[in-house]
Amino acid sequence: MYSRKLSTAEAFGNKYRLRDTLIIDSIFDTKKVTYLNNQGSIQVINNHYLDNTMFDELNDFAQLFTNPESPQQQDNYQRWLELAKIVNMTLYRLRKSTNIIFPSDY
């Protein structure tokens, strides 16, 4: 779930009875993350890593939200969707070949 406001994230969590919520103020800056548990307790988690190894991916993903109608973002979305389908099918076939069954399979 993506939300720009803490109050919206809290309301969503309450509505769907989520146990825990992580709130990231900015997708570009993951140094400060807020953890909200199902009891309403808030804890700020300071991430002291110097480099975010997924910065480029976060930036691309954020651009999809900030400018979804641009032709470039539409192309990115379609490309990522096709890649996700390939990954999903590969994992499904691997799971089936090893007879791993999930409850949702029934």
Protein backbone atom coordinates (compact mmCIF):
# COMPACT_ATOMS: atom_id res chain seq x y z
CA MET A 1 0.00 0.00 0.00
CA TYR A 2 1.34 3.40 -0.92
CA SER A 3 0.31 6.47 1.05
CA ARG A 4 1.73 9.95 1.32
CA LYS A 5 0.23 10.61 4.75
CA LEU A 6 0.60 8.79 8.06
CA SER A 7 -3.10 9.22 8.80
CA THR A 8 -4.06 7.51 5.54
CA ALA A 9 -1.66 4.63 6.21
CA GLU A 10 -3.08 4.22 9.73
CA ALA A 11 -6.67 4.24 8.44
CA PHE A 12 -5.83 1.65 5.79
CA GLY A 13 -4.13 -0.56 8.38
CA ASN A 14 -7.13 -0.30 10.72
CA LYS A 15 -9.64 -0.99 7.95
CA TYR A 16 -7.89 -4.15 6.78
CA ARG A 17 -6.70 -5.12 10.27
CA LEU A 18 -3.07 -5.18 9.26
CA ARG A 19 -0.73 -6.21 12.03
CA ASP A 20 2.15 -3.94 11.16
CA THR A 21 2.78 -0.97 8.94
CA LEU A 22 6.04 0.48 7.66
CA ILE A 23 5.93 4.12 6.73
CA ILE A 24 8.63 5.50 4.45
CA ASP A 25 8.48 9.29 4.20
CA SER A 26 10.24 9.39 0.86
CA ILE A 27 10.92 6.61 -1.58
CA PHE A 28 14.17 8.42 -2.36
CA ASP A 29 15.39 8.39 1.24
CA THR A 30 15.14 5.11 3.10
CA LYS A 31 17.28 6.29 6.01
CA LYS A 32 14.20 6.97 8.12
CA VAL A 33 11.46 4.39 8.33
CA THR A 34 8.59 4.46 10.84
CA TYR A 35 7.19 1.19 12.20
CA LEU A 36 3.59 1.19 13.40
CA ASN A 37 2.41 -1.97 15.13
CA ASN A 38 -1.18 -3.13 15.54
CA GLN A 39 -1.33 -1.65 19.05
CA GLY A 40 -0.67 1.85 17.70
CA SER A 41 2.89 2.02 19.00
CA ILE A 42 5.23 3.97 16.73
CA GLN A 43 8.96 3.37 16.46
CA VAL A 44 11.35 5.26 14.20
CA ILE A 45 13.93 3.01 12.60
CA ASN A 46 17.08 4.82 11.57
CA ASN A 47 18.85 3.07 8.76
CA HIS A 48 22.53 3.97 8.96
CA TYR A 49 23.63 2.38 5.70
CA LEU A 50 25.77 4.73 3.68
CA ASP A 51 24.60 3.53 0.30
CA ASN A 52 21.23 2.34 -0.83
CA THR A 53 22.01 -0.46 -3.24
CA MET A 54 18.56 -0.22 -4.80
CA PHE A 55 18.53 3.55 -5.33
CA ASP A 56 18.17 3.28 -9.11
CA GLU A 57 15.28 0.84 -8.80
CA LEU A 58 13.58 3.04 -6.19
CA ASN A 59 14.02 6.07 -8.41
CA ASP A 60 12.53 4.29 -11.44
CA PHE A 61 9.60 3.04 -9.36
CA ALA A 62 8.97 6.51 -7.91
CA GLN A 63 8.96 8.01 -11.41
CA LEU A 64 6.17 5.63 -12.36
CA PHE A 65 4.06 7.12 -9.55
CA THR A 66 4.98 10.74 -10.14
CA ASN A 67 4.60 10.73 -13.91
CA PRO A 68 2.48 7.68 -14.83
CA GLU A 69 1.17 9.02 -18.13
CA SER A 70 4.52 9.71 -19.77
CA PRO A 71 5.29 7.46 -22.75
CA GLN A 72 8.60 6.44 -21.17
CA GLN A 73 6.89 5.36 -17.96
CA GLN A 74 4.23 3.47 -19.89
CA ASP A 75 7.01 1.63 -21.75
CA ASN A 76 8.79 0.90 -18.45
CA TYR A 77 5.58 -0.38 -16.92
CA GLN A 78 4.91 -2.74 -19.83
CA ARG A 79 8.50 -4.01 -19.81
CA TRP A 80 8.43 -4.59 -16.03
CA LEU A 81 5.06 -6.33 -16.29
CA GLU A 82 6.39 -8.73 -18.93
CA LEU A 83 9.47 -9.44 -16.81
CA ALA A 84 7.27 -10.08 -13.76
CA LYS A 85 5.19 -12.55 -15.78
CA ILE A 86 8.34 -14.42 -16.83
CA VAL A 87 9.62 -14.57 -13.23
CA ASN A 88 6.20 -15.68 -11.99
CA MET A 89 5.93 -18.46 -14.59
CA THR A 90 9.50 -19.63 -13.91
CA LEU A 91 8.88 -19.83 -10.16
CA TYR A 92 5.55 -21.57 -10.72
CA ARG A 93 7.16 -24.21 -12.94
CA LEU A 94 10.00 -24.75 -10.47
CA ARG A 95 7.51 -25.13 -7.64
CA LYS A 96 5.41 -27.61 -9.61
CA SER A 97 8.46 -29.62 -10.67
CA THR A 98 9.42 -30.09 -7.00
CA ASN A 99 5.85 -30.80 -5.88
CA ILE A 100 5.70 -27.79 -3.56
CA ILE A 101 2.06 -27.01 -2.82
CA PHE A 102 0.74 -23.84 -1.23
CA PRO A 103 -2.64 -23.61 0.56
CA SER A 104 -3.78 -21.11 -2.10
CA ASP A 105 -3.40 -23.85 -4.75
CA TYR A 106 -6.61 -25.50 -3.58
